[in-house]
Amino acid sequence: MTLIENKKFSLKYAPVESFAAGIELSGQEVKALRNRLGSLEGARVVVRGGEAFLTGMTIPPYQAANARKGYDPERARRLLLTKKELAELAAAESKKGLTIIPIEVYTARNLVKARVAIVRGKGKADRREDLKRRTAEREAERVLKTARPA
């Protein structure tokens, strides 16, 4: 079940490859995410020292009055990945034109996971092309819907 998602992902980026990763969270962060609090806007993945961190993701306190002192809603959260996946992410991060962003945060059984993708940014022409394609598909669907006999 999807808890939060990066809504502008398909508009701005073209995916190259995606991974599922566990996220290291505190208890109040899990509760906040299950209540669909949080945002992936501006979030990205950074690989440092053989570990991957999710930076820029905002998770507000579950109960503001009971939040621990010094709680940072935008702290870097460690991603749990295999060594092979970490190596692929590190290689992609070093290549020019590629970046790593979270697509969604979801639950798998009782675990909170993130879908992380290696992406290439879309240019203005690519975005316009996608918009034209979607509009054409919508029009075709509308024509087919009205052409069907009752």
N, C-alpha and C. Protein backbone atom coordinates (compact mmCIF):
# COMPACT_ATOMS: atom_id res chain seq x y z
N MET A 1 0.84 -1.16 0.00
CA MET A 1 0.00 0.00 0.00
C MET A 1 0.90 1.24 0.00
N THR A 2 0.65 2.12 -0.92
CA THR A 2 1.45 3.34 -1.04
C THR A 2 1.08 4.33 0.06
N LEU A 3 2.09 4.80 0.78
CA LEU A 3 1.87 5.77 1.85
C LEU A 3 2.04 7.20 1.33
N ILE A 4 3.19 7.48 0.71
CA ILE A 4 3.40 8.77 0.06
C ILE A 4 4.14 8.53 -1.25
N GLU A 5 3.94 9.42 -2.21
CA GLU A 5 4.61 9.25 -3.49
C GLU A 5 5.11 10.58 -4.03
N ASN A 6 6.06 10.48 -4.92
CA ASN A 6 6.65 11.64 -5.58
C ASN A 6 5.80 11.91 -6.82
N LYS A 7 4.87 12.84 -6.72
CA LYS A 7 3.88 13.05 -7.77
C LYS A 7 4.47 13.61 -9.06
N LYS A 8 5.56 14.36 -8.97
CA LYS A 8 6.14 14.98 -10.15
C LYS A 8 7.21 14.10 -10.81
N PHE A 9 7.35 12.88 -10.34
CA PHE A 9 8.38 11.98 -10.86
C PHE A 9 8.27 11.77 -12.36
N SER A 10 7.09 11.39 -12.83
CA SER A 10 6.95 11.05 -14.26
C SER A 10 7.02 12.27 -15.16
N LEU A 11 6.76 13.45 -14.61
CA LEU A 11 6.84 14.67 -15.41
C LEU A 11 8.28 15.12 -15.63
N LYS A 12 9.10 15.01 -14.60
CA LYS A 12 10.45 15.55 -14.65
C LYS A 12 11.53 14.56 -15.03
N TYR A 13 11.29 13.25 -14.82
CA TYR A 13 12.35 12.27 -14.97
C TYR A 13 11.94 11.08 -15.82
N ALA A 14 12.94 10.48 -16.46
CA ALA A 14 12.76 9.22 -17.19
C ALA A 14 13.52 8.15 -16.41
N PRO A 15 12.85 7.11 -15.94
CA PRO A 15 13.52 6.09 -15.12
C PRO A 15 14.48 5.23 -15.94
N VAL A 16 15.60 4.88 -15.32
CA VAL A 16 16.57 3.98 -15.92
C VAL A 16 16.47 2.62 -15.24
N GLU A 17 16.44 2.62 -13.91
CA GLU A 17 16.34 1.40 -13.13
C GLU A 17 15.77 1.73 -11.75
N SER A 18 15.06 0.79 -11.14
CA SER A 18 14.51 1.06 -9.81
C SER A 18 14.83 -0.08 -8.85
N PHE A 19 14.84 0.26 -7.55
CA PHE A 19 15.16 -0.68 -6.48
C PHE A 19 14.15 -0.50 -5.36
N ALA A 20 13.95 -1.57 -4.59
CA ALA A 20 13.16 -1.48 -3.36
C ALA A 20 14.15 -1.48 -2.21
N ALA A 21 13.98 -0.54 -1.29
CA ALA A 21 14.91 -0.42 -0.17
C ALA A 21 14.15 -0.23 1.12
N GLY A 22 14.64 -0.83 2.19
CA GLY A 22 14.08 -0.59 3.51
C GLY A 22 14.56 0.78 3.99
N ILE A 23 13.82 1.38 4.91
CA ILE A 23 14.20 2.68 5.47
C ILE A 23 14.35 2.52 6.98
N GLU A 24 15.42 3.10 7.51
CA GLU A 24 15.64 3.08 8.95
C GLU A 24 14.90 4.27 9.56
N LEU A 25 13.82 3.99 10.30
CA LEU A 25 12.96 5.04 10.86
C LEU A 25 12.77 4.85 12.36
N SER A 26 12.38 5.92 13.02
CA SER A 26 12.00 5.81 14.43
C SER A 26 10.51 5.46 14.49
N GLY A 27 10.02 5.08 15.66
CA GLY A 27 8.63 4.67 15.81
C GLY A 27 7.64 5.76 15.45
N GLN A 28 7.91 7.00 15.88
CA GLN A 28 6.97 8.08 15.59
C GLN A 28 6.95 8.40 14.10
N GLU A 29 8.07 8.19 13.40
CA GLU A 29 8.10 8.42 11.96
C GLU A 29 7.25 7.40 11.21
N VAL A 30 7.28 6.16 11.69
CA VAL A 30 6.46 5.11 11.08
C VAL A 30 4.98 5.45 11.26
N LYS A 31 4.62 5.88 12.47
CA LYS A 31 3.22 6.24 12.73
C LYS A 31 2.78 7.41 11.85
N ALA A 32 3.66 8.40 11.70
CA ALA A 32 3.33 9.56 10.86
C ALA A 32 3.14 9.12 9.41
N LEU A 33 4.01 8.25 8.91
CA LEU A 33 3.88 7.78 7.52
C LEU A 33 2.61 6.98 7.32
N ARG A 34 2.26 6.16 8.30
CA ARG A 34 1.02 5.37 8.17
C ARG A 34 -0.21 6.27 8.14
N ASN A 35 -0.09 7.47 8.69
CA ASN A 35 -1.18 8.45 8.61
C ASN A 35 -1.05 9.32 7.37
N ARG A 36 -0.16 8.94 6.47
CA ARG A 36 0.08 9.63 5.21
C ARG A 36 0.62 11.06 5.38
N LEU A 37 1.34 11.28 6.47
CA LEU A 37 2.02 12.54 6.68
C LEU A 37 3.42 12.41 6.09
N GLY A 38 3.89 13.41 5.44
CA GLY A 38 5.23 13.36 4.88
C GLY A 38 5.23 13.78 3.43
N SER A 39 6.44 14.08 2.94
CA SER A 39 6.57 14.54 1.57
C SER A 39 7.89 14.08 0.98
N LEU A 40 7.86 13.71 -0.29
CA LEU A 40 9.07 13.32 -1.01
C LEU A 40 9.54 14.43 -1.95
N GLU A 41 8.89 15.57 -1.90
CA GLU A 41 9.26 16.66 -2.79
C GLU A 41 10.65 17.17 -2.45
N GLY A 42 11.52 17.17 -3.43
CA GLY A 42 12.89 17.62 -3.23
C GLY A 42 13.80 16.58 -2.63
N ALA A 43 13.31 15.37 -2.42
CA ALA A 43 14.12 14.31 -1.82
C ALA A 43 15.02 13.66 -2.86
N ARG A 44 16.18 13.18 -2.41
CA ARG A 44 17.08 12.45 -3.29
C ARG A 44 17.91 11.49 -2.45
N VAL A 45 18.61 10.60 -3.12
CA VAL A 45 19.43 9.60 -2.45
C VAL A 45 20.89 9.94 -2.65
N VAL A 46 21.66 9.85 -1.57
CA VAL A 46 23.09 10.13 -1.61
C VAL A 46 23.81 8.88 -1.11
N VAL A 47 24.85 8.45 -1.83
CA VAL A 47 25.64 7.30 -1.42
C VAL A 47 26.97 7.81 -0.87
N ARG A 48 27.23 7.53 0.42
CA ARG A 48 28.46 7.97 1.07
C ARG A 48 28.98 6.87 1.97
N GLY A 49 30.26 6.58 1.86
CA GLY A 49 30.89 5.61 2.76
C GLY A 49 30.27 4.23 2.71
N GLY A 50 29.85 3.79 1.55
CA GLY A 50 29.27 2.46 1.42
C GLY A 50 27.85 2.35 1.93
N GLU A 51 27.20 3.46 2.20
CA GLU A 51 25.82 3.46 2.66
C GLU A 51 25.02 4.47 1.85
N ALA A 52 23.72 4.21 1.70
CA ALA A 52 22.84 5.12 0.98
C ALA A 52 21.94 5.84 1.98
N PHE A 53 21.77 7.14 1.78
CA PHE A 53 20.93 7.95 2.67
C PHE A 53 19.88 8.68 1.85
N LEU A 54 18.68 8.74 2.40
CA LEU A 54 17.58 9.46 1.79
C LEU A 54 17.55 10.85 2.43
N THR A 55 17.85 11.89 1.64
CA THR A 55 17.90 13.24 2.17
C THR A 55 16.76 14.07 1.58
N GLY A 56 16.30 15.03 2.32
CA GLY A 56 15.27 15.94 1.83
C GLY A 56 13.85 15.44 2.00
N MET A 57 13.65 14.22 2.48
CA MET A 57 12.31 13.71 2.73
C MET A 57 11.83 14.30 4.05
N THR A 58 10.63 14.84 4.07
CA THR A 58 10.09 15.46 5.27
C THR A 58 9.06 14.54 5.91
N ILE A 59 9.27 14.24 7.19
CA ILE A 59 8.28 13.50 7.98
C ILE A 59 8.02 14.31 9.23
N PRO A 60 6.87 14.99 9.30
CA PRO A 60 6.59 15.79 10.50
C PRO A 60 6.36 14.87 11.70
N PRO A 61 6.48 15.41 12.92
CA PRO A 61 6.24 14.57 14.10
C PRO A 61 4.81 14.04 14.12
N TYR A 62 4.64 12.82 14.61
CA TYR A 62 3.33 12.18 14.68
C TYR A 62 2.40 13.01 15.57
N GLN A 63 2.88 13.35 16.75
CA GLN A 63 2.15 14.23 17.65
C GLN A 63 3.12 15.33 18.04
N ALA A 64 2.89 16.52 17.56
CA ALA A 64 3.83 17.62 17.76
C ALA A 64 4.11 17.87 19.24
N ALA A 65 3.10 17.72 20.09
CA ALA A 65 3.28 17.98 21.51
C ALA A 65 4.19 16.94 22.17
N ASN A 66 4.22 15.72 21.62
CA ASN A 66 5.00 14.64 22.21
C ASN A 66 6.30 14.36 21.47
N ALA A 67 6.65 15.19 20.51
CA ALA A 67 7.88 14.96 19.73
C ALA A 67 9.09 15.15 20.62
N ARG A 68 10.10 14.32 20.42
CA ARG A 68 11.30 14.45 21.25
C ARG A 68 12.02 15.75 20.91
N LYS A 69 12.76 16.28 21.85
CA LYS A 69 13.46 17.54 21.64
C LYS A 69 14.54 17.36 20.59
N GLY A 70 14.66 18.35 19.73
CA GLY A 70 15.68 18.30 18.70
C GLY A 70 15.30 17.43 17.52
N TYR A 71 14.03 17.04 17.41
CA TYR A 71 13.60 16.21 16.28
C TYR A 71 13.71 17.00 14.99
N ASP A 72 14.41 16.45 14.00
CA ASP A 72 14.59 17.10 12.70
C ASP A 72 13.74 16.36 11.67
N PRO A 73 12.66 16.98 11.16
CA PRO A 73 11.80 16.29 10.20
C PRO A 73 12.47 16.00 8.86
N GLU A 74 13.59 16.66 8.56
CA GLU A 74 14.27 16.44 7.28
C GLU A 74 15.62 15.76 7.43
N ARG A 75 15.82 15.03 8.53
CA ARG A 75 17.11 14.37 8.73
C ARG A 75 17.35 13.32 7.65
N ALA A 76 18.63 12.99 7.45
CA ALA A 76 18.98 11.95 6.47
C ALA A 76 18.62 10.59 7.08
N ARG A 77 17.92 9.77 6.32
CA ARG A 77 17.51 8.44 6.78
C ARG A 77 18.25 7.38 5.97
N ARG A 78 18.80 6.40 6.66
CA ARG A 78 19.60 5.38 5.99
C ARG A 78 18.69 4.41 5.24
N LEU A 79 19.11 4.05 4.04
CA LEU A 79 18.39 3.06 3.24
C LEU A 79 19.08 1.71 3.40
N LEU A 80 18.30 0.66 3.47
CA LEU A 80 18.82 -0.68 3.64
C LEU A 80 18.81 -1.39 2.30
N LEU A 81 19.99 -1.56 1.72
CA LEU A 81 20.15 -2.17 0.40
C LEU A 81 21.24 -3.23 0.45
N THR A 82 21.27 -4.10 -0.55
CA THR A 82 22.34 -5.09 -0.64
C THR A 82 23.61 -4.41 -1.14
N LYS A 83 24.75 -5.07 -0.98
CA LYS A 83 26.02 -4.51 -1.42
C LYS A 83 26.03 -4.30 -2.94
N LYS A 84 25.42 -5.22 -3.65
CA LYS A 84 25.36 -5.12 -5.12
C LYS A 84 24.55 -3.89 -5.53
N GLU A 85 23.40 -3.68 -4.89
CA GLU A 85 22.57 -2.52 -5.19
C GLU A 85 23.27 -1.22 -4.83
N LEU A 86 23.98 -1.22 -3.69
CA LEU A 86 24.74 -0.03 -3.29
C LEU A 86 25.82 0.30 -4.32
N ALA A 87 26.48 -0.73 -4.84
CA ALA A 87 27.51 -0.50 -5.84
C ALA A 87 26.91 0.09 -7.12
N GLU A 88 25.75 -0.41 -7.53
CA GLU A 88 25.08 0.12 -8.72
C GLU A 88 24.67 1.59 -8.51
N LEU A 89 24.14 1.90 -7.32
CA LEU A 89 23.75 3.27 -7.03
C LEU A 89 24.96 4.20 -7.01
N ALA A 90 26.06 3.74 -6.42
CA ALA A 90 27.27 4.56 -6.36
C ALA A 90 27.81 4.83 -7.75
N ALA A 91 27.78 3.80 -8.62
CA ALA A 91 28.25 3.98 -10.00
C ALA A 91 27.35 4.95 -10.75
N ALA A 92 26.04 4.85 -10.55
CA ALA A 92 25.10 5.74 -11.24
C ALA A 92 25.25 7.18 -10.75
N GLU A 93 25.53 7.34 -9.46
CA GLU A 93 25.66 8.68 -8.90
C GLU A 93 26.87 9.41 -9.49
N SER A 94 27.90 8.64 -9.80
CA SER A 94 29.11 9.27 -10.34
C SER A 94 28.99 9.61 -11.83
N LYS A 95 28.03 8.99 -12.52
CA LYS A 95 27.84 9.29 -13.95
C LYS A 95 27.12 10.61 -14.12
N LYS A 96 27.53 11.34 -15.13
CA LYS A 96 26.91 12.64 -15.41
C LYS A 96 25.53 12.43 -16.02
N GLY A 97 24.57 13.23 -15.61
CA GLY A 97 23.23 13.18 -16.17
C GLY A 97 22.29 12.23 -15.44
N LEU A 98 22.79 11.44 -14.50
CA LEU A 98 21.93 10.52 -13.75
C LEU A 98 21.82 10.99 -12.31
N THR A 99 20.67 10.77 -11.72
CA THR A 99 20.46 11.08 -10.32
C THR A 99 19.61 9.97 -9.71
N ILE A 100 19.56 9.92 -8.40
CA ILE A 100 18.81 8.88 -7.71
C ILE A 100 17.75 9.56 -6.85
N ILE A 101 16.49 9.21 -7.08
CA ILE A 101 15.39 9.83 -6.32
C ILE A 101 14.43 8.76 -5.82
N PRO A 102 13.72 9.04 -4.73
CA PRO A 102 12.68 8.12 -4.26
C PRO A 102 11.39 8.36 -5.05
N ILE A 103 10.76 7.28 -5.45
CA ILE A 103 9.50 7.37 -6.19
C ILE A 103 8.32 7.31 -5.23
N GLU A 104 8.39 6.37 -4.28
CA GLU A 104 7.29 6.22 -3.34
C GLU A 104 7.77 5.58 -2.05
N VAL A 105 7.00 5.75 -1.01
CA VAL A 105 7.20 5.05 0.25
C VAL A 105 5.95 4.21 0.45
N TYR A 106 6.15 2.91 0.72
CA TYR A 106 5.01 2.00 0.81
C TYR A 106 5.24 0.97 1.91
N THR A 107 4.19 0.21 2.22
CA THR A 107 4.32 -0.86 3.20
C THR A 107 4.33 -2.19 2.47
N ALA A 108 5.21 -3.06 2.91
CA ALA A 108 5.27 -4.44 2.42
C ALA A 108 5.18 -5.30 3.67
N ARG A 109 4.07 -6.00 3.83
CA ARG A 109 3.74 -6.68 5.08
C ARG A 109 3.76 -5.64 6.19
N ASN A 110 4.62 -5.77 7.19
CA ASN A 110 4.67 -4.78 8.27
C ASN A 110 5.87 -3.86 8.15
N LEU A 111 6.54 -3.86 7.02
CA LEU A 111 7.75 -3.07 6.84
C LEU A 111 7.45 -1.82 6.01
N VAL A 112 8.18 -0.76 6.29
CA VAL A 112 8.07 0.46 5.49
C VAL A 112 9.25 0.47 4.54
N LYS A 113 8.96 0.56 3.25
CA LYS A 113 10.00 0.52 2.23
C LYS A 113 9.88 1.71 1.31
N ALA A 114 10.96 1.96 0.57
CA ALA A 114 10.97 3.03 -0.42
C ALA A 114 11.34 2.45 -1.77
N ARG A 115 10.67 2.89 -2.81
CA ARG A 115 11.06 2.54 -4.17
C ARG A 115 11.95 3.68 -4.64
N VAL A 116 13.19 3.34 -4.96
CA VAL A 116 14.21 4.31 -5.34
C VAL A 116 14.57 4.05 -6.79
N ALA A 117 14.74 5.11 -7.58
CA ALA A 117 15.03 4.93 -9.01
C ALA A 117 16.24 5.75 -9.43
N ILE A 118 17.01 5.16 -10.33
CA ILE A 118 18.06 5.90 -11.03
C ILE A 118 17.36 6.53 -12.21
N VAL A 119 17.45 7.85 -12.33
CA VAL A 119 16.69 8.55 -13.36
C VAL A 119 17.57 9.51 -14.16
N ARG A 120 17.06 9.84 -15.33
CA ARG A 120 17.68 10.85 -16.19
C ARG A 120 16.65 11.96 -16.32
N GLY A 121 17.06 13.19 -16.15
CA GLY A 121 16.14 14.32 -16.24
C GLY A 121 15.62 14.48 -17.66
N LYS A 122 14.35 14.83 -17.77
CA LYS A 122 13.75 15.06 -19.08
C LYS A 122 13.98 16.51 -19.49
N GLY A 123 14.22 16.71 -20.77
CA GLY A 123 14.32 18.06 -21.29
C GLY A 123 12.95 18.61 -21.60
N LYS A 124 12.89 19.85 -21.99
CA LYS A 124 11.61 20.49 -22.29
C LYS A 124 10.90 19.78 -23.45
N ALA A 125 11.67 19.38 -24.46
CA ALA A 125 11.07 18.71 -25.62
C ALA A 125 10.46 17.37 -25.23
N ASP A 126 11.14 16.63 -24.36
CA ASP A 126 10.61 15.34 -23.90
C ASP A 126 9.32 15.52 -23.12
N ARG A 127 9.26 16.55 -22.29
CA ARG A 127 8.04 16.80 -21.51
C ARG A 127 6.88 17.14 -22.43
N ARG A 128 7.15 17.96 -23.44
CA ARG A 128 6.09 18.32 -24.40
C ARG A 128 5.61 17.09 -25.16
N GLU A 129 6.55 16.23 -25.53
CA GLU A 129 6.22 15.02 -26.26
C GLU A 129 5.31 14.12 -25.42
N ASP A 130 5.64 13.97 -24.14
CA ASP A 130 4.81 13.16 -23.24
C ASP A 130 3.41 13.75 -23.11
N LEU A 131 3.34 15.06 -23.00
CA LEU A 131 2.05 15.73 -22.89
C LEU A 131 1.21 15.50 -24.14
N LYS A 132 1.82 15.61 -25.33
CA LYS A 132 1.11 15.36 -26.59
C LYS A 132 0.63 13.92 -26.67
N ARG A 133 1.48 12.98 -26.27
CA ARG A 133 1.13 11.56 -26.31
C ARG A 133 -0.05 11.27 -25.40
N ARG A 134 -0.02 11.81 -24.18
CA ARG A 134 -1.13 11.60 -23.24
C ARG A 134 -2.42 12.20 -23.75
N THR A 135 -2.34 13.39 -24.35
CA THR A 135 -3.52 14.05 -24.90
C THR A 135 -4.10 13.24 -26.04
N ALA A 136 -3.24 12.72 -26.91
CA ALA A 136 -3.70 11.90 -28.04
C ALA A 136 -4.36 10.62 -27.55
N GLU A 137 -3.78 9.98 -26.52
CA GLU A 137 -4.39 8.77 -25.96
C GLU A 137 -5.76 9.06 -25.36
N ARG A 138 -5.87 10.18 -24.67
CA ARG A 138 -7.14 10.57 -24.07
C ARG A 138 -8.20 10.81 -25.13
N GLU A 139 -7.80 11.50 -26.20
CA GLU A 139 -8.74 11.77 -27.31
C GLU A 139 -9.19 10.47 -27.96
N ALA A 140 -8.23 9.56 -28.21
CA ALA A 140 -8.56 8.28 -28.84
C ALA A 140 -9.52 7.49 -27.95
N GLU A 141 -9.28 7.50 -26.68
CA GLU A 141 -10.15 6.78 -25.75
C GLU A 141 -11.55 7.39 -25.74
N ARG A 142 -11.61 8.71 -25.79
CA ARG A 142 -12.90 9.41 -25.80
C ARG A 142 -13.68 9.07 -27.06
N VAL A 143 -12.99 9.03 -28.22
CA VAL A 143 -13.64 8.71 -29.49
C VAL A 143 -14.16 7.28 -29.46
N LEU A 144 -13.35 6.35 -28.96
CA LEU A 144 -13.78 4.95 -28.88
C LEU A 144 -14.97 4.79 -27.94
N LYS A 145 -14.97 5.54 -26.87
CA LYS A 145 -16.05 5.44 -25.89
C LYS A 145 -17.38 5.92 -26.49
N THR A 146 -17.33 7.00 -27.27
CA THR A 146 -18.56 7.52 -27.87
C THR A 146 -18.98 6.72 -29.10
N ALA A 147 -18.06 6.01 -29.74
CA ALA A 147 -18.37 5.25 -30.96
C ALA A 147 -19.00 3.88 -30.66
N ARG A 148 -18.88 3.42 -29.43
CA ARG A 148 -19.42 2.09 -29.09
C ARG A 148 -20.95 2.11 -29.10
N PRO A 149 -21.54 1.07 -29.67
CA PRO A 149 -23.02 0.99 -29.63
C PRO A 149 -23.48 0.64 -28.22
N ALA A 150 -24.65 1.15 -27.85
CA ALA A 150 -25.17 0.94 -26.50
C ALA A 150 -25.78 -0.39 -26.30
